[in-house]
Amino acid sequence: MTDHPATELAGTPGSPGLASGPARVVHGPDDFTRVRPGDVLVCRFTEPAWTALFGVVAGVVTETGGVLSHAAIVAREHGIPAVLAVPGAMTTLRDGQTITVDGGAGRVAA
């Protein structure tokens, strides 16, 4: 059994709510087919081509952006939690690792 120390990352609250699920680290559109219902999208940023993923994922974590970014606006429209501007999210969070997103507090726990 391998124990990993708990990790908590901080960012900008983008859309309120709590969600837990497997982290799905997405580098670009070529990774979209790996995203499954209930995953938490972890990416550098989102843009309009990514909007369809918001109907599938349980939450969103980005490395850049703010409350007026595409990720924040679309997450609020879909009622899913989002934490933005989390430094190193794509390298700290492992693909498939269960994480919890607190969009109101701007926290991501792994």
N, C-alpha and C. Protein backbone atom coordinates (compact mmCIF):
# COMPACT_ATOMS: atom_id res chain seq x y z
N MET A 1 0.85 -1.18 0.00
CA MET A 1 0.00 0.00 0.00
C MET A 1 0.89 1.23 0.00
N THR A 2 0.60 2.16 -0.88
CA THR A 2 1.38 3.39 -0.98
C THR A 2 0.56 4.55 -0.45
N ASP A 3 1.12 5.24 0.51
CA ASP A 3 0.45 6.41 1.05
C ASP A 3 1.09 7.65 0.43
N HIS A 4 0.24 8.54 -0.06
CA HIS A 4 0.72 9.81 -0.58
C HIS A 4 0.32 10.88 0.41
N PRO A 5 1.22 11.81 0.72
CA PRO A 5 0.84 12.88 1.64
C PRO A 5 -0.28 13.73 1.05
N ALA A 6 -1.13 14.21 1.92
CA ALA A 6 -2.24 15.06 1.47
C ALA A 6 -1.68 16.34 0.87
N THR A 7 -2.32 16.78 -0.18
CA THR A 7 -1.92 18.01 -0.86
C THR A 7 -3.09 18.96 -0.87
N GLU A 8 -2.86 20.21 -0.55
CA GLU A 8 -3.89 21.23 -0.69
C GLU A 8 -3.31 22.38 -1.49
N LEU A 9 -4.01 22.73 -2.56
CA LEU A 9 -3.60 23.82 -3.42
C LEU A 9 -4.61 24.96 -3.29
N ALA A 10 -4.14 26.17 -3.46
CA ALA A 10 -5.00 27.34 -3.36
C ALA A 10 -5.02 28.09 -4.68
N GLY A 11 -6.18 28.65 -4.97
CA GLY A 11 -6.33 29.46 -6.17
C GLY A 11 -7.44 30.47 -5.98
N THR A 12 -7.95 30.96 -7.08
CA THR A 12 -9.02 31.95 -7.07
C THR A 12 -10.37 31.25 -7.18
N PRO A 13 -11.30 31.52 -6.23
CA PRO A 13 -12.64 30.95 -6.37
C PRO A 13 -13.28 31.44 -7.67
N GLY A 14 -13.79 30.51 -8.48
CA GLY A 14 -14.37 30.90 -9.76
C GLY A 14 -15.84 30.59 -9.88
N SER A 15 -16.26 29.50 -9.24
CA SER A 15 -17.66 29.08 -9.26
C SER A 15 -17.87 28.27 -8.00
N PRO A 16 -18.89 28.62 -7.19
CA PRO A 16 -19.05 27.97 -5.88
C PRO A 16 -19.50 26.52 -5.99
N GLY A 17 -19.25 25.79 -4.92
CA GLY A 17 -19.70 24.41 -4.82
C GLY A 17 -18.55 23.49 -4.47
N LEU A 18 -18.91 22.25 -4.14
CA LEU A 18 -17.95 21.20 -3.82
C LEU A 18 -18.13 20.06 -4.79
N ALA A 19 -17.04 19.47 -5.22
CA ALA A 19 -17.10 18.28 -6.08
C ALA A 19 -15.86 17.45 -5.86
N SER A 20 -16.02 16.15 -5.90
CA SER A 20 -14.89 15.22 -5.83
C SER A 20 -14.97 14.27 -7.01
N GLY A 21 -13.80 13.88 -7.49
CA GLY A 21 -13.74 12.93 -8.59
C GLY A 21 -12.31 12.77 -9.04
N PRO A 22 -12.11 11.90 -10.02
CA PRO A 22 -10.76 11.71 -10.54
C PRO A 22 -10.29 12.93 -11.33
N ALA A 23 -9.07 13.36 -11.07
CA ALA A 23 -8.48 14.46 -11.84
C ALA A 23 -8.25 13.97 -13.26
N ARG A 24 -8.64 14.78 -14.21
CA ARG A 24 -8.36 14.46 -15.62
C ARG A 24 -7.52 15.61 -16.16
N VAL A 25 -6.21 15.38 -16.26
CA VAL A 25 -5.28 16.41 -16.72
C VAL A 25 -5.37 16.46 -18.25
N VAL A 26 -5.81 17.60 -18.75
CA VAL A 26 -6.05 17.78 -20.18
C VAL A 26 -5.15 18.89 -20.71
N HIS A 27 -4.33 18.53 -21.70
CA HIS A 27 -3.39 19.49 -22.28
C HIS A 27 -3.98 20.21 -23.48
N GLY A 28 -4.97 19.62 -24.13
CA GLY A 28 -5.57 20.23 -25.30
C GLY A 28 -6.65 19.34 -25.88
N PRO A 29 -7.22 19.75 -27.00
CA PRO A 29 -8.33 19.01 -27.61
C PRO A 29 -8.04 17.54 -27.89
N ASP A 30 -6.80 17.17 -28.10
CA ASP A 30 -6.47 15.76 -28.34
C ASP A 30 -6.78 14.89 -27.12
N ASP A 31 -6.87 15.50 -25.94
CA ASP A 31 -7.16 14.76 -24.70
C ASP A 31 -8.65 14.69 -24.38
N PHE A 32 -9.50 15.38 -25.12
CA PHE A 32 -10.92 15.46 -24.78
C PHE A 32 -11.58 14.10 -24.68
N THR A 33 -11.18 13.13 -25.48
CA THR A 33 -11.83 11.81 -25.46
C THR A 33 -11.54 11.04 -24.19
N ARG A 34 -10.55 11.46 -23.41
CA ARG A 34 -10.24 10.79 -22.13
C ARG A 34 -11.14 11.26 -20.99
N VAL A 35 -11.86 12.36 -21.19
CA VAL A 35 -12.69 12.93 -20.13
C VAL A 35 -13.98 12.11 -20.00
N ARG A 36 -14.28 11.71 -18.77
CA ARG A 36 -15.45 10.90 -18.46
C ARG A 36 -16.37 11.65 -17.50
N PRO A 37 -17.65 11.28 -17.49
CA PRO A 37 -18.58 11.91 -16.53
C PRO A 37 -18.06 11.77 -15.10
N GLY A 38 -18.09 12.88 -14.38
CA GLY A 38 -17.65 12.89 -12.99
C GLY A 38 -16.19 13.25 -12.80
N ASP A 39 -15.41 13.32 -13.89
CA ASP A 39 -14.01 13.74 -13.77
C ASP A 39 -13.94 15.20 -13.35
N VAL A 40 -12.81 15.58 -12.77
CA VAL A 40 -12.52 16.98 -12.50
C VAL A 40 -11.48 17.42 -13.53
N LEU A 41 -11.87 18.35 -14.38
CA LEU A 41 -10.99 18.86 -15.43
C LEU A 41 -9.86 19.67 -14.82
N VAL A 42 -8.62 19.30 -15.14
CA VAL A 42 -7.44 20.04 -14.69
C VAL A 42 -6.69 20.45 -15.96
N CYS A 43 -6.53 21.77 -16.16
CA CYS A 43 -5.93 22.26 -17.40
C CYS A 43 -5.28 23.62 -17.18
N ARG A 44 -4.57 24.08 -18.18
CA ARG A 44 -3.94 25.40 -18.08
C ARG A 44 -5.00 26.49 -18.13
N PHE A 45 -5.93 26.39 -19.12
CA PHE A 45 -7.02 27.34 -19.29
C PHE A 45 -8.05 26.67 -20.17
N THR A 46 -9.22 27.30 -20.31
CA THR A 46 -10.20 26.80 -21.28
C THR A 46 -10.54 27.93 -22.24
N GLU A 47 -11.12 27.54 -23.36
CA GLU A 47 -11.59 28.49 -24.36
C GLU A 47 -12.86 27.90 -24.95
N PRO A 48 -13.56 28.62 -25.82
CA PRO A 48 -14.87 28.14 -26.30
C PRO A 48 -14.89 26.70 -26.82
N ALA A 49 -13.84 26.22 -27.46
CA ALA A 49 -13.83 24.84 -27.96
C ALA A 49 -13.95 23.81 -26.84
N TRP A 50 -13.67 24.21 -25.61
CA TRP A 50 -13.70 23.31 -24.46
C TRP A 50 -15.08 23.25 -23.79
N THR A 51 -16.01 24.09 -24.21
CA THR A 51 -17.29 24.25 -23.53
C THR A 51 -18.04 22.93 -23.36
N ALA A 52 -18.00 22.05 -24.35
CA ALA A 52 -18.73 20.77 -24.25
C ALA A 52 -18.29 19.95 -23.04
N LEU A 53 -17.04 20.08 -22.61
CA LEU A 53 -16.56 19.32 -21.45
C LEU A 53 -17.28 19.71 -20.17
N PHE A 54 -17.77 20.94 -20.09
CA PHE A 54 -18.43 21.42 -18.88
C PHE A 54 -19.75 20.70 -18.62
N GLY A 55 -20.33 20.07 -19.64
CA GLY A 55 -21.53 19.29 -19.46
C GLY A 55 -21.26 17.89 -18.94
N VAL A 56 -19.98 17.53 -18.84
CA VAL A 56 -19.57 16.18 -18.45
C VAL A 56 -18.87 16.17 -17.08
N VAL A 57 -17.99 17.15 -16.85
CA VAL A 57 -17.14 17.13 -15.66
C VAL A 57 -17.88 17.59 -14.40
N ALA A 58 -17.32 17.18 -13.25
CA ALA A 58 -17.90 17.55 -11.96
C ALA A 58 -17.34 18.86 -11.44
N GLY A 59 -16.16 19.25 -11.92
CA GLY A 59 -15.51 20.47 -11.47
C GLY A 59 -14.36 20.81 -12.39
N VAL A 60 -13.79 22.01 -12.17
CA VAL A 60 -12.73 22.52 -13.03
C VAL A 60 -11.63 23.15 -12.18
N VAL A 61 -10.38 22.86 -12.55
CA VAL A 61 -9.21 23.49 -11.94
C VAL A 61 -8.33 23.98 -13.09
N THR A 62 -7.98 25.27 -13.08
CA THR A 62 -7.09 25.80 -14.11
C THR A 62 -5.86 26.42 -13.47
N GLU A 63 -4.79 26.52 -14.26
CA GLU A 63 -3.57 27.15 -13.78
C GLU A 63 -3.57 28.65 -13.99
N THR A 64 -4.43 29.14 -14.88
CA THR A 64 -4.51 30.57 -15.15
C THR A 64 -5.97 31.00 -15.07
N GLY A 65 -6.20 32.30 -15.16
CA GLY A 65 -7.57 32.80 -15.22
C GLY A 65 -8.02 33.47 -13.93
N GLY A 66 -9.19 34.05 -14.03
CA GLY A 66 -9.79 34.75 -12.91
C GLY A 66 -11.29 34.62 -13.00
N VAL A 67 -12.01 35.41 -12.21
CA VAL A 67 -13.47 35.27 -12.13
C VAL A 67 -14.17 35.63 -13.43
N LEU A 68 -13.51 36.33 -14.33
CA LEU A 68 -14.12 36.67 -15.61
C LEU A 68 -13.57 35.82 -16.76
N SER A 69 -12.81 34.79 -16.44
CA SER A 69 -12.25 33.92 -17.47
C SER A 69 -13.33 33.00 -18.04
N HIS A 70 -13.05 32.43 -19.20
CA HIS A 70 -13.98 31.48 -19.83
C HIS A 70 -14.34 30.36 -18.87
N ALA A 71 -13.34 29.77 -18.21
CA ALA A 71 -13.60 28.64 -17.31
C ALA A 71 -14.57 29.03 -16.20
N ALA A 72 -14.38 30.19 -15.59
CA ALA A 72 -15.24 30.63 -14.49
C ALA A 72 -16.67 30.88 -14.97
N ILE A 73 -16.81 31.58 -16.08
CA ILE A 73 -18.14 31.93 -16.58
C ILE A 73 -18.92 30.68 -16.95
N VAL A 74 -18.29 29.77 -17.70
CA VAL A 74 -19.00 28.57 -18.14
C VAL A 74 -19.27 27.62 -16.96
N ALA A 75 -18.35 27.54 -16.00
CA ALA A 75 -18.60 26.72 -14.82
C ALA A 75 -19.80 27.24 -14.04
N ARG A 76 -19.91 28.56 -13.89
CA ARG A 76 -21.08 29.12 -13.20
C ARG A 76 -22.36 28.82 -13.98
N GLU A 77 -22.31 28.94 -15.30
CA GLU A 77 -23.49 28.63 -16.12
C GLU A 77 -23.93 27.18 -15.94
N HIS A 78 -22.97 26.27 -15.76
CA HIS A 78 -23.28 24.85 -15.61
C HIS A 78 -23.46 24.44 -14.14
N GLY A 79 -23.23 25.36 -13.22
CA GLY A 79 -23.40 25.06 -11.80
C GLY A 79 -22.38 24.08 -11.25
N ILE A 80 -21.15 24.13 -11.78
CA ILE A 80 -20.10 23.25 -11.26
C ILE A 80 -18.99 24.09 -10.64
N PRO A 81 -18.36 23.58 -9.59
CA PRO A 81 -17.32 24.35 -8.92
C PRO A 81 -16.07 24.50 -9.78
N ALA A 82 -15.44 25.65 -9.64
CA ALA A 82 -14.20 25.93 -10.36
C ALA A 82 -13.24 26.70 -9.47
N VAL A 83 -11.97 26.30 -9.52
CA VAL A 83 -10.89 27.01 -8.85
C VAL A 83 -9.87 27.35 -9.93
N LEU A 84 -9.51 28.62 -10.01
CA LEU A 84 -8.67 29.12 -11.09
C LEU A 84 -7.34 29.62 -10.55
N ALA A 85 -6.39 29.80 -11.48
CA ALA A 85 -5.08 30.36 -11.14
C ALA A 85 -4.40 29.55 -10.02
N VAL A 86 -4.42 28.22 -10.17
CA VAL A 86 -3.77 27.32 -9.22
C VAL A 86 -2.37 26.99 -9.77
N PRO A 87 -1.32 27.58 -9.19
CA PRO A 87 0.03 27.35 -9.71
C PRO A 87 0.40 25.87 -9.67
N GLY A 88 0.90 25.36 -10.80
CA GLY A 88 1.39 23.98 -10.84
C GLY A 88 0.34 22.90 -10.77
N ALA A 89 -0.93 23.23 -10.98
CA ALA A 89 -1.99 22.22 -10.86
C ALA A 89 -1.77 21.03 -11.78
N MET A 90 -1.31 21.29 -13.01
CA MET A 90 -1.17 20.21 -13.99
C MET A 90 -0.01 19.27 -13.67
N THR A 91 0.94 19.72 -12.90
CA THR A 91 2.06 18.85 -12.53
C THR A 91 1.92 18.29 -11.12
N THR A 92 1.23 19.00 -10.25
CA THR A 92 1.06 18.53 -8.87
C THR A 92 -0.03 17.46 -8.77
N LEU A 93 -1.12 17.67 -9.50
CA LEU A 93 -2.24 16.72 -9.46
C LEU A 93 -2.00 15.64 -10.51
N ARG A 94 -2.12 14.38 -10.10
CA ARG A 94 -1.88 13.27 -11.01
C ARG A 94 -3.16 12.87 -11.72
N ASP A 95 -3.07 12.55 -12.99
CA ASP A 95 -4.21 12.09 -13.77
C ASP A 95 -4.81 10.85 -13.09
N GLY A 96 -6.11 10.89 -12.83
CA GLY A 96 -6.80 9.78 -12.18
C GLY A 96 -6.86 9.86 -10.66
N GLN A 97 -6.06 10.72 -10.08
CA GLN A 97 -6.04 10.90 -8.62
C GLN A 97 -7.36 11.53 -8.18
N THR A 98 -7.96 11.03 -7.10
CA THR A 98 -9.19 11.62 -6.58
C THR A 98 -8.86 12.96 -5.92
N ILE A 99 -9.58 13.98 -6.35
CA ILE A 99 -9.39 15.32 -5.77
C ILE A 99 -10.75 15.90 -5.40
N THR A 100 -10.71 16.88 -4.51
CA THR A 100 -11.91 17.61 -4.11
C THR A 100 -11.71 19.08 -4.41
N VAL A 101 -12.68 19.67 -5.10
CA VAL A 101 -12.64 21.07 -5.48
C VAL A 101 -13.63 21.83 -4.64
N ASP A 102 -13.18 22.89 -3.97
CA ASP A 102 -14.05 23.78 -3.21
C ASP A 102 -14.04 25.12 -3.92
N GLY A 103 -15.01 25.31 -4.81
CA GLY A 103 -15.05 26.51 -5.64
C GLY A 103 -15.36 27.78 -4.88
N GLY A 104 -15.98 27.67 -3.71
CA GLY A 104 -16.27 28.84 -2.89
C GLY A 104 -15.06 29.35 -2.15
N ALA A 105 -14.21 28.42 -1.69
CA ALA A 105 -13.03 28.78 -0.91
C ALA A 105 -11.78 28.89 -1.76
N GLY A 106 -11.84 28.42 -3.01
CA GLY A 106 -10.66 28.46 -3.87
C GLY A 106 -9.62 27.44 -3.47
N ARG A 107 -10.05 26.25 -3.06
CA ARG A 107 -9.14 25.20 -2.59
C ARG A 107 -9.32 23.91 -3.38
N VAL A 108 -8.21 23.20 -3.57
CA VAL A 108 -8.22 21.89 -4.20
C VAL A 108 -7.45 20.95 -3.28
N ALA A 109 -8.08 19.87 -2.85
CA ALA A 109 -7.44 18.91 -1.96
C ALA A 109 -7.27 17.58 -2.67
N ALA A 110 -6.10 16.97 -2.46
CA ALA A 110 -5.82 15.67 -3.07
C ALA A 110 -5.34 14.71 -1.99
